[in-house]
Amino acid sequence: MQQWFQLVQQKNALVRYESELVIFARELELEDRQSRLQQELRERMAVDGNTHLYTCLSPVHLCVCVCVLPTHLSTCVCVCV
């Protein structure tokens, strides 16, 4: 019976470890996607001197903000995934 409980504990530990690995893999996928989206945005915008690209990393969202600064006013557009 003792051996059975040890096996159950080992199984539970492996299930927790698998969950951590799945979360880590998803995080890597999101970081890769963010990088590709930033590159695509840069290419599409052909960034000039009055346009600035900002990236906001939060635990919940990946955001890319583009701000155009004509003079003293700024207009920003943010896309979050």
Protein backbone atom coordinates (compact mmCIF):
# COMPACT_ATOMS: atom_id res chain seq x y z
CA MET A 1 0.00 0.00 0.00
CA GLN A 2 2.90 2.35 0.84
CA GLN A 3 4.37 1.80 -2.62
CA TRP A 4 1.02 2.66 -4.23
CA PHE A 5 0.92 6.03 -2.39
CA GLN A 6 4.47 6.77 -3.50
CA LEU A 7 3.52 6.05 -7.09
CA VAL A 8 0.49 8.35 -6.82
CA GLN A 9 2.72 11.12 -5.41
CA GLN A 10 5.21 10.65 -8.25
CA LYS A 11 2.41 10.75 -10.80
CA ASN A 12 1.02 13.96 -9.28
CA ALA A 13 4.48 15.55 -9.31
CA LEU A 14 4.89 14.62 -12.98
CA VAL A 15 1.47 16.05 -13.83
CA ARG A 16 2.41 19.35 -12.14
CA TYR A 17 5.73 19.41 -13.98
CA GLU A 18 3.96 18.77 -17.28
CA SER A 19 1.60 21.68 -16.58
CA GLU A 20 4.57 23.96 -15.93
CA LEU A 21 6.17 22.86 -19.20
CA VAL A 22 2.96 23.55 -21.13
CA ILE A 23 2.78 27.05 -19.64
CA PHE A 24 6.45 27.67 -20.48
CA ALA A 25 5.93 26.48 -24.06
CA ARG A 26 2.91 28.79 -24.46
CA GLU A 27 4.96 31.70 -23.12
CA LEU A 28 7.68 31.00 -25.70
CA GLU A 29 5.08 30.82 -28.47
CA LEU A 30 3.65 34.19 -27.42
CA GLU A 31 7.10 35.79 -27.28
CA ASP A 32 7.84 34.48 -30.76
CA ARG A 33 4.51 35.76 -32.06
CA GLN A 34 5.13 39.17 -30.52
CA SER A 35 8.53 39.36 -32.20
CA ARG A 36 7.07 38.43 -35.59
CA LEU A 37 4.22 40.94 -35.21
CA GLN A 38 6.64 43.71 -34.26
CA GLN A 39 8.80 42.97 -37.28
CA GLU A 40 5.76 42.92 -39.57
CA LEU A 41 4.54 46.21 -38.13
CA ARG A 42 7.95 47.84 -38.65
CA GLU A 43 8.03 46.64 -42.24
CA ARG A 44 4.51 47.88 -42.97
CA MET A 45 5.06 51.28 -41.42
CA ALA A 46 8.44 52.04 -42.97
CA VAL A 47 9.17 53.97 -39.80
CA ASP A 48 10.11 57.61 -40.34
CA GLY A 49 11.48 60.17 -37.90
CA ASN A 50 8.08 61.18 -36.50
CA THR A 51 6.84 57.68 -35.74
CA HIS A 52 7.81 55.70 -32.69
CA LEU A 53 7.12 52.06 -31.87
CA TYR A 54 6.62 50.98 -28.27
CA THR A 55 6.19 47.53 -26.82
CA CYS A 56 4.36 46.84 -23.59
CA LEU A 57 4.90 43.47 -21.94
CA SER A 58 2.47 42.48 -19.24
CA PRO A 59 1.68 39.08 -17.77
CA VAL A 60 -1.73 39.21 -19.44
CA HIS A 61 -1.29 41.00 -22.76
CA LEU A 62 1.31 41.59 -25.43
CA CYS A 63 0.85 45.13 -26.74
CA VAL A 64 2.46 47.08 -29.57
CA CYS A 65 1.81 50.82 -29.65
CA VAL A 66 2.59 53.13 -32.55
CA CYS A 67 2.78 56.83 -31.77
CA VAL A 68 2.94 59.61 -34.33
CA LEU A 69 4.23 62.87 -32.92
CA PRO A 70 3.42 65.71 -35.36
CA THR A 71 4.40 68.59 -33.06
CA HIS A 72 3.30 68.85 -29.45
CA LEU A 73 0.37 66.42 -29.84
CA SER A 74 0.78 62.68 -29.88
CA THR A 75 -1.56 60.11 -31.40
CA CYS A 76 -1.07 56.52 -30.35
CA VAL A 77 -2.63 53.32 -31.60
CA CYS A 78 -2.16 50.18 -29.53
CA VAL A 79 -2.81 46.58 -30.50
CA CYS A 80 -2.93 44.01 -27.71
CA VAL A 81 -3.15 40.25 -28.06
